[in-house]
């Protein structure tokens, strides 16, 4: 009986070790450049925090090859996997199109939102509803040219 118990414990220990060795990538482990695509580089960001806990971060990226900007709002590890209203938006000065926006209930990110913005200013931002608070950011017109 002790021998059988020892064998069972060895099987359990081996199973636990095997599970610990697995590399699991959570759904929120995405990157802004991975979402926007090849050629995009980060030029700005804004973080939503309550002082000690980060809830999300908005990223503004630019592609020098095609003149497009891209905005994504990524949940942080504190909110990753939670279905929360999340948004990302982008507006290009004087393009006549108005604001492009992606906002819905997401568990890892909103966006990507892309607009052509070669040689002109953009206004970008995003939001997340976390708990009883709604965090919103919209930049001034910036990153011109």
N, C-alpha and C. Protein backbone atom coordinates (compact mmCIF):
# COMPACT_ATOMS: atom_id res chain seq x y z
N UNK A 1 0.82 -1.19 0.00
CA UNK A 1 0.00 0.00 0.00
C UNK A 1 0.87 1.26 0.00
N UNK A 2 1.90 1.29 0.79
CA UNK A 2 2.80 2.43 0.79
C UNK A 2 3.51 2.56 -0.56
N UNK A 3 3.82 1.40 -1.14
CA UNK A 3 4.47 1.41 -2.44
C UNK A 3 3.55 2.04 -3.49
N UNK A 4 2.26 1.69 -3.47
CA UNK A 4 1.29 2.23 -4.41
C UNK A 4 1.11 3.74 -4.17
N UNK A 5 1.09 4.16 -2.93
CA UNK A 5 0.97 5.58 -2.60
C UNK A 5 2.18 6.35 -3.11
N UNK A 6 3.35 5.77 -2.95
CA UNK A 6 4.58 6.39 -3.44
C UNK A 6 4.56 6.54 -4.94
N UNK A 7 4.03 5.53 -5.66
CA UNK A 7 3.94 5.60 -7.12
C UNK A 7 2.96 6.69 -7.55
N UNK A 8 1.84 6.79 -6.83
CA UNK A 8 0.86 7.83 -7.16
C UNK A 8 1.43 9.22 -6.92
N UNK A 9 2.14 9.39 -5.82
CA UNK A 9 2.75 10.68 -5.53
C UNK A 9 3.79 11.05 -6.61
N UNK A 10 4.53 10.06 -7.09
CA UNK A 10 5.51 10.30 -8.14
C UNK A 10 4.83 10.74 -9.43
N UNK A 11 3.68 10.13 -9.76
CA UNK A 11 2.93 10.50 -10.96
C UNK A 11 2.40 11.92 -10.82
N UNK A 12 1.85 12.24 -9.65
CA UNK A 12 1.34 13.59 -9.41
C UNK A 12 2.47 14.61 -9.51
N UNK A 13 3.61 14.32 -8.90
CA UNK A 13 4.75 15.24 -8.95
C UNK A 13 5.22 15.44 -10.38
N UNK A 14 5.28 14.39 -11.17
CA UNK A 14 5.70 14.50 -12.56
C UNK A 14 4.69 15.32 -13.36
N UNK A 15 3.41 15.15 -13.08
CA UNK A 15 2.37 15.91 -13.78
C UNK A 15 2.46 17.39 -13.45
N UNK A 16 2.66 17.70 -12.19
CA UNK A 16 2.80 19.09 -11.77
C UNK A 16 4.02 19.72 -12.41
N UNK A 17 5.14 19.00 -12.43
CA UNK A 17 6.36 19.51 -13.05
C UNK A 17 6.13 19.75 -14.54
N UNK A 18 5.41 18.85 -15.19
CA UNK A 18 5.12 19.00 -16.62
C UNK A 18 4.26 20.22 -16.89
N UNK A 19 3.27 20.45 -16.05
CA UNK A 19 2.42 21.63 -16.22
C UNK A 19 3.19 22.91 -15.97
N UNK A 20 4.07 22.89 -14.99
CA UNK A 20 4.86 24.07 -14.68
C UNK A 20 5.80 24.42 -15.83
N UNK A 21 6.20 23.44 -16.59
CA UNK A 21 7.12 23.68 -17.70
C UNK A 21 6.43 24.26 -18.92
N UNK A 22 5.11 24.19 -18.99
CA UNK A 22 4.39 24.74 -20.13
C UNK A 22 4.50 26.26 -20.16
N UNK A 23 4.65 26.81 -21.33
CA UNK A 23 4.64 28.25 -21.49
C UNK A 23 3.28 28.63 -22.03
N UNK A 24 2.52 29.35 -21.24
CA UNK A 24 1.18 29.76 -21.63
C UNK A 24 1.20 31.26 -21.84
N UNK A 25 0.78 31.69 -23.01
CA UNK A 25 0.73 33.10 -23.33
C UNK A 25 -0.71 33.58 -23.13
N UNK A 26 -0.93 34.47 -22.16
CA UNK A 26 -2.29 34.96 -21.94
C UNK A 26 -2.77 35.79 -23.12
N UNK A 27 -4.09 35.91 -23.22
CA UNK A 27 -4.70 36.63 -24.34
C UNK A 27 -4.25 38.08 -24.39
N UNK A 28 -3.94 38.68 -23.24
CA UNK A 28 -3.56 40.08 -23.23
C UNK A 28 -2.08 40.30 -23.51
N UNK A 29 -1.33 39.25 -23.80
CA UNK A 29 0.10 39.38 -24.06
C UNK A 29 0.34 39.67 -25.54
N UNK A 30 -0.20 40.77 -26.02
CA UNK A 30 0.00 41.21 -27.39
C UNK A 30 0.80 42.51 -27.35
N UNK A 31 1.36 42.89 -28.47
CA UNK A 31 2.14 44.12 -28.52
C UNK A 31 1.46 45.12 -29.45
N UNK A 32 1.67 46.41 -29.20
CA UNK A 32 1.10 47.41 -30.09
C UNK A 32 1.56 47.25 -31.54
N UNK A 33 2.85 47.04 -31.75
CA UNK A 33 3.35 46.89 -33.13
C UNK A 33 2.84 45.60 -33.76
N UNK A 34 2.63 44.57 -32.95
CA UNK A 34 2.06 43.34 -33.47
C UNK A 34 0.63 43.53 -33.94
N UNK A 35 -0.12 44.37 -33.25
CA UNK A 35 -1.50 44.65 -33.63
C UNK A 35 -1.58 45.59 -34.83
N UNK A 36 -0.73 46.60 -34.87
CA UNK A 36 -0.77 47.57 -35.97
C UNK A 36 -0.19 47.00 -37.25
N UNK A 37 0.85 46.20 -37.14
CA UNK A 37 1.43 45.57 -38.32
C UNK A 37 2.87 45.96 -38.57
N UNK A 38 3.42 45.37 -39.59
CA UNK A 38 4.80 45.59 -39.96
C UNK A 38 5.06 47.05 -40.31
N UNK A 39 6.17 47.57 -39.82
CA UNK A 39 6.57 48.93 -40.15
C UNK A 39 6.12 49.99 -39.17
N UNK A 40 5.29 49.65 -38.20
CA UNK A 40 4.81 50.63 -37.23
C UNK A 40 5.75 50.70 -36.03
N UNK A 41 6.05 51.92 -35.60
CA UNK A 41 6.88 52.16 -34.42
C UNK A 41 6.14 53.07 -33.46
N UNK A 42 6.30 52.80 -32.17
CA UNK A 42 5.64 53.60 -31.15
C UNK A 42 6.23 55.00 -31.10
N UNK A 43 5.35 56.02 -31.06
CA UNK A 43 5.81 57.39 -30.91
C UNK A 43 5.26 58.07 -29.66
N UNK A 44 4.25 57.46 -29.03
CA UNK A 44 3.69 58.05 -27.81
C UNK A 44 2.85 57.01 -27.09
N UNK A 45 2.55 57.29 -25.83
CA UNK A 45 1.65 56.42 -25.06
C UNK A 45 1.08 57.21 -23.88
N UNK A 46 0.01 56.69 -23.35
CA UNK A 46 -0.62 57.27 -22.16
C UNK A 46 -1.11 56.11 -21.30
N UNK A 47 -0.86 56.19 -19.99
CA UNK A 47 -1.22 55.10 -19.08
C UNK A 47 -2.41 55.50 -18.22
N UNK A 48 -3.31 54.54 -17.99
CA UNK A 48 -4.42 54.71 -17.06
C UNK A 48 -4.06 53.98 -15.78
N UNK A 49 -3.98 54.72 -14.68
CA UNK A 49 -3.61 54.13 -13.40
C UNK A 49 -4.37 54.83 -12.29
N UNK A 50 -4.54 54.12 -11.19
CA UNK A 50 -5.13 54.76 -10.02
C UNK A 50 -4.04 55.18 -9.04
N UNK A 51 -2.83 55.23 -9.50
CA UNK A 51 -1.68 55.61 -8.67
C UNK A 51 -0.79 54.42 -8.38
N UNK A 52 -1.39 53.27 -8.14
CA UNK A 52 -0.58 52.09 -7.84
C UNK A 52 -0.84 50.93 -8.78
N UNK A 53 -2.01 50.92 -9.42
CA UNK A 53 -2.36 49.82 -10.32
C UNK A 53 -2.59 50.38 -11.72
N UNK A 54 -1.90 49.80 -12.70
CA UNK A 54 -2.11 50.18 -14.09
C UNK A 54 -3.27 49.36 -14.65
N UNK A 55 -4.24 50.05 -15.28
CA UNK A 55 -5.41 49.38 -15.85
C UNK A 55 -5.26 49.14 -17.35
N UNK A 56 -4.68 50.12 -18.04
CA UNK A 56 -4.51 50.00 -19.49
C UNK A 56 -3.52 51.05 -19.94
N UNK A 57 -3.08 50.89 -21.19
CA UNK A 57 -2.18 51.87 -21.79
C UNK A 57 -2.59 52.04 -23.26
N UNK A 58 -2.63 53.31 -23.69
CA UNK A 58 -2.93 53.63 -25.08
C UNK A 58 -1.60 53.89 -25.79
N UNK A 59 -1.48 53.36 -26.99
CA UNK A 59 -0.26 53.54 -27.77
C UNK A 59 -0.58 54.21 -29.10
N UNK A 60 0.27 55.16 -29.48
CA UNK A 60 0.22 55.78 -30.79
C UNK A 60 1.46 55.34 -31.55
N UNK A 61 1.25 54.79 -32.73
CA UNK A 61 2.35 54.32 -33.57
C UNK A 61 2.27 54.99 -34.93
N UNK A 62 3.41 55.01 -35.63
CA UNK A 62 3.48 55.62 -36.95
C UNK A 62 4.29 54.73 -37.88
N UNK A 63 3.86 54.66 -39.12
CA UNK A 63 4.55 53.89 -40.14
C UNK A 63 5.14 54.88 -41.15
N UNK A 64 6.47 55.04 -41.12
CA UNK A 64 7.11 56.00 -42.02
C UNK A 64 7.01 55.56 -43.48
N UNK A 65 6.82 54.28 -43.71
CA UNK A 65 6.73 53.77 -45.07
C UNK A 65 5.44 54.12 -45.78
N UNK A 66 4.32 54.18 -45.03
CA UNK A 66 3.05 54.46 -45.69
C UNK A 66 2.33 55.71 -45.16
N UNK A 67 2.88 56.36 -44.12
CA UNK A 67 2.29 57.60 -43.60
C UNK A 67 1.08 57.41 -42.71
N UNK A 68 0.81 56.18 -42.28
CA UNK A 68 -0.35 55.92 -41.42
C UNK A 68 0.03 55.93 -39.95
N UNK A 69 -0.89 56.47 -39.12
CA UNK A 69 -0.82 56.34 -37.67
C UNK A 69 -1.71 55.19 -37.26
N UNK A 70 -1.45 54.64 -36.09
CA UNK A 70 -2.25 53.53 -35.55
C UNK A 70 -2.36 53.72 -34.04
N UNK A 71 -3.55 53.48 -33.51
CA UNK A 71 -3.79 53.59 -32.07
C UNK A 71 -4.40 52.29 -31.57
N UNK A 72 -3.86 51.80 -30.44
CA UNK A 72 -4.42 50.64 -29.75
C UNK A 72 -4.44 50.94 -28.25
N UNK A 73 -5.43 50.41 -27.56
CA UNK A 73 -5.49 50.47 -26.11
C UNK A 73 -5.39 49.05 -25.59
N UNK A 74 -4.34 48.78 -24.82
CA UNK A 74 -4.10 47.43 -24.30
C UNK A 74 -4.42 47.36 -22.81
N UNK A 75 -5.15 46.33 -22.44
CA UNK A 75 -5.37 46.06 -21.03
C UNK A 75 -4.03 45.72 -20.38
N UNK A 76 -3.87 46.05 -19.13
CA UNK A 76 -2.67 45.67 -18.38
C UNK A 76 -2.88 44.28 -17.80
N UNK A 77 -1.88 43.80 -17.08
CA UNK A 77 -2.03 42.49 -16.44
C UNK A 77 -3.14 42.51 -15.39
N UNK A 78 -3.43 43.66 -14.82
CA UNK A 78 -4.49 43.76 -13.81
C UNK A 78 -5.88 43.61 -14.40
N UNK A 79 -6.05 43.96 -15.69
CA UNK A 79 -7.37 43.89 -16.32
C UNK A 79 -7.44 42.91 -17.48
N UNK A 80 -6.30 42.33 -17.84
CA UNK A 80 -6.26 41.37 -18.95
C UNK A 80 -7.19 40.20 -18.71
N UNK A 81 -7.97 39.86 -19.70
CA UNK A 81 -8.92 38.76 -19.59
C UNK A 81 -10.28 39.17 -19.07
N UNK A 82 -10.40 40.39 -18.57
CA UNK A 82 -11.69 40.88 -18.06
C UNK A 82 -12.44 41.60 -19.17
N UNK A 83 -13.69 41.25 -19.41
CA UNK A 83 -14.47 41.97 -20.41
C UNK A 83 -14.87 43.36 -19.89
N UNK A 84 -14.21 44.38 -20.43
CA UNK A 84 -14.43 45.76 -20.00
C UNK A 84 -14.63 46.63 -21.23
N UNK A 85 -15.45 47.66 -21.10
CA UNK A 85 -15.59 48.60 -22.20
C UNK A 85 -14.25 49.29 -22.40
N UNK A 86 -13.73 49.17 -23.62
CA UNK A 86 -12.40 49.67 -23.94
C UNK A 86 -12.47 50.34 -25.31
N UNK A 87 -11.75 51.45 -25.47
CA UNK A 87 -11.80 52.15 -26.74
C UNK A 87 -10.46 52.70 -27.18
N UNK A 88 -10.35 52.94 -28.47
CA UNK A 88 -9.19 53.58 -29.07
C UNK A 88 -9.70 54.47 -30.19
N UNK A 89 -9.13 55.68 -30.33
CA UNK A 89 -9.57 56.57 -31.40
C UNK A 89 -8.44 57.41 -31.95
N UNK A 90 -8.68 57.91 -33.16
CA UNK A 90 -7.68 58.68 -33.88
C UNK A 90 -8.40 59.66 -34.80
N UNK A 91 -7.89 60.88 -34.84
CA UNK A 91 -8.44 61.92 -35.70
C UNK A 91 -7.27 62.61 -36.40
N UNK A 92 -7.40 62.88 -37.68
CA UNK A 92 -6.36 63.54 -38.46
C UNK A 92 -6.85 64.94 -38.81
N UNK A 93 -6.01 65.93 -38.56
CA UNK A 93 -6.39 67.33 -38.82
C UNK A 93 -6.69 67.55 -40.29
N UNK A 94 -7.81 68.20 -40.53
CA UNK A 94 -8.20 68.67 -41.87
C UNK A 94 -8.35 67.57 -42.91
N UNK A 95 -8.68 66.35 -42.50
CA UNK A 95 -8.89 65.31 -43.51
C UNK A 95 -10.36 65.16 -43.89
N UNK A 96 -11.26 65.84 -43.15
CA UNK A 96 -12.68 65.80 -43.46
C UNK A 96 -13.38 64.51 -43.09
N UNK A 97 -12.69 63.58 -42.47
CA UNK A 97 -13.27 62.28 -42.15
C UNK A 97 -13.78 62.18 -40.72
N UNK A 98 -13.32 63.05 -39.85
CA UNK A 98 -13.70 62.95 -38.45
C UNK A 98 -12.93 61.84 -37.75
N UNK A 99 -13.35 61.56 -36.55
CA UNK A 99 -12.66 60.60 -35.69
C UNK A 99 -12.96 59.15 -36.09
N UNK A 100 -11.91 58.33 -36.20
CA UNK A 100 -12.07 56.88 -36.37
C UNK A 100 -11.98 56.27 -34.98
N UNK A 101 -12.88 55.32 -34.68
CA UNK A 101 -12.98 54.84 -33.30
C UNK A 101 -13.33 53.36 -33.27
N UNK A 102 -12.75 52.66 -32.31
CA UNK A 102 -13.12 51.29 -32.00
C UNK A 102 -13.40 51.23 -30.51
N UNK A 103 -14.64 51.03 -30.14
CA UNK A 103 -15.00 50.96 -28.72
C UNK A 103 -16.09 49.94 -28.54
N UNK A 104 -15.83 48.98 -27.64
CA UNK A 104 -16.78 47.93 -27.32
C UNK A 104 -16.31 47.24 -26.05
N UNK A 105 -16.91 46.12 -25.73
CA UNK A 105 -16.47 45.33 -24.58
C UNK A 105 -15.40 44.36 -25.08
N UNK A 106 -14.18 44.54 -24.59
CA UNK A 106 -13.05 43.70 -24.97
C UNK A 106 -12.34 43.19 -23.71
N UNK A 107 -11.68 42.06 -23.85
CA UNK A 107 -10.96 41.50 -22.70
C UNK A 107 -9.45 41.65 -22.80
N UNK A 108 -8.95 42.23 -23.90
CA UNK A 108 -7.50 42.43 -23.98
C UNK A 108 -7.08 43.73 -24.67
N UNK A 109 -7.78 44.18 -25.70
CA UNK A 109 -7.39 45.43 -26.35
C UNK A 109 -8.52 45.95 -27.24
N UNK A 110 -8.43 47.27 -27.52
CA UNK A 110 -9.29 47.92 -28.52
C UNK A 110 -8.38 48.42 -29.63
N UNK A 111 -8.88 48.41 -30.84
CA UNK A 111 -8.11 48.81 -31.99
C UNK A 111 -7.64 47.57 -32.73
N UNK A 112 -6.79 47.71 -33.66
CA UNK A 112 -6.11 48.93 -34.06
C UNK A 112 -6.99 49.86 -34.90
N UNK A 113 -6.79 51.16 -34.70
CA UNK A 113 -7.44 52.19 -35.49
C UNK A 113 -6.34 52.86 -36.30
N UNK A 114 -6.47 52.83 -37.62
CA UNK A 114 -5.43 53.38 -38.51
C UNK A 114 -6.02 54.46 -39.42
N UNK A 115 -5.27 55.54 -39.59
CA UNK A 115 -5.62 56.60 -40.54
C UNK A 115 -4.34 57.15 -41.16
N UNK A 116 -4.45 57.57 -42.42
CA UNK A 116 -3.33 58.23 -43.08
C UNK A 116 -3.14 59.60 -42.45
N UNK A 117 -1.89 59.92 -42.09
CA UNK A 117 -1.62 61.19 -41.42
C UNK A 117 -0.26 61.75 -41.83
N UNK A 118 0.14 61.53 -43.06
CA UNK A 118 1.42 62.05 -43.52
C UNK A 118 1.44 63.57 -43.50
N UNK A 119 2.44 64.15 -42.86
CA UNK A 119 2.66 65.60 -42.82
C UNK A 119 1.50 66.40 -42.24
N UNK A 120 0.81 65.85 -41.26
CA UNK A 120 -0.27 66.59 -40.61
C UNK A 120 -0.38 66.16 -39.15
N UNK A 121 -1.15 66.89 -38.37
CA UNK A 121 -1.30 66.63 -36.94
C UNK A 121 -2.38 65.59 -36.67
N UNK A 122 -2.23 64.89 -35.56
CA UNK A 122 -3.23 63.93 -35.14
C UNK A 122 -3.66 64.22 -33.71
N UNK A 123 -4.87 63.79 -33.41
CA UNK A 123 -5.39 63.77 -32.04
C UNK A 123 -5.79 62.33 -31.79
N UNK A 124 -5.29 61.74 -30.72
CA UNK A 124 -5.47 60.31 -30.48
C UNK A 124 -5.85 60.08 -29.02
N UNK A 125 -6.42 58.92 -28.74
CA UNK A 125 -6.78 58.64 -27.36
C UNK A 125 -7.44 57.29 -27.21
N UNK A 126 -7.99 57.10 -26.02
CA UNK A 126 -8.66 55.85 -25.70
C UNK A 126 -9.31 55.91 -24.35
N UNK A 127 -9.90 54.78 -23.97
CA UNK A 127 -10.60 54.72 -22.68
C UNK A 127 -10.71 53.28 -22.20
N UNK A 128 -10.99 53.14 -20.90
CA UNK A 128 -11.33 51.85 -20.30
C UNK A 128 -12.22 52.11 -19.09
N UNK A 129 -13.25 51.28 -18.95
CA UNK A 129 -14.08 51.30 -17.75
C UNK A 129 -13.57 50.20 -16.84
N UNK A 130 -13.02 50.57 -15.70
CA UNK A 130 -12.45 49.60 -14.76
C UNK A 130 -13.10 49.81 -13.40
N UNK A 131 -13.89 48.85 -12.99
CA UNK A 131 -14.59 48.98 -11.71
C UNK A 131 -15.62 50.08 -11.79
N UNK A 132 -15.57 51.01 -10.85
CA UNK A 132 -16.53 52.11 -10.83
C UNK A 132 -15.99 53.35 -11.53
N UNK A 133 -14.80 53.25 -12.11
CA UNK A 133 -14.19 54.40 -12.76
C UNK A 133 -14.09 54.22 -14.27
N UNK A 134 -14.23 55.33 -14.98
CA UNK A 134 -13.99 55.36 -16.41
C UNK A 134 -12.80 56.26 -16.63
N UNK A 135 -11.76 55.72 -17.26
CA UNK A 135 -10.55 56.47 -17.58
C UNK A 135 -10.59 56.82 -19.06
N UNK A 136 -10.40 58.10 -19.37
CA UNK A 136 -10.46 58.57 -20.75
C UNK A 136 -9.30 59.53 -21.00
N UNK A 137 -8.74 59.43 -22.19
CA UNK A 137 -7.67 60.36 -22.58
C UNK A 137 -7.83 60.71 -24.05
N UNK A 138 -7.73 61.99 -24.36
CA UNK A 138 -7.64 62.46 -25.74
C UNK A 138 -6.50 63.48 -25.77
N UNK A 139 -5.56 63.26 -26.65
CA UNK A 139 -4.40 64.14 -26.75
C UNK A 139 -4.80 65.48 -27.38
N UNK A 140 -3.94 66.47 -27.23
CA UNK A 140 -4.13 67.67 -28.06
C UNK A 140 -3.69 67.35 -29.49
N UNK A 141 -3.89 68.28 -30.41
CA UNK A 141 -3.35 68.09 -31.77
C UNK A 141 -1.84 68.09 -31.64
N UNK A 142 -1.19 67.03 -32.12
CA UNK A 142 0.25 66.90 -31.95
C UNK A 142 0.84 65.94 -32.98
N UNK A 143 2.12 65.70 -32.86
CA UNK A 143 2.87 64.82 -33.76
C UNK A 143 2.62 65.22 -35.21
N UNK A 144 2.80 66.49 -35.47
CA UNK A 144 2.52 67.07 -36.77
C UNK A 144 3.71 66.86 -37.71
N UNK A 145 3.43 66.27 -38.84
CA UNK A 145 4.46 66.11 -39.85
C UNK A 145 5.28 64.90 -39.66
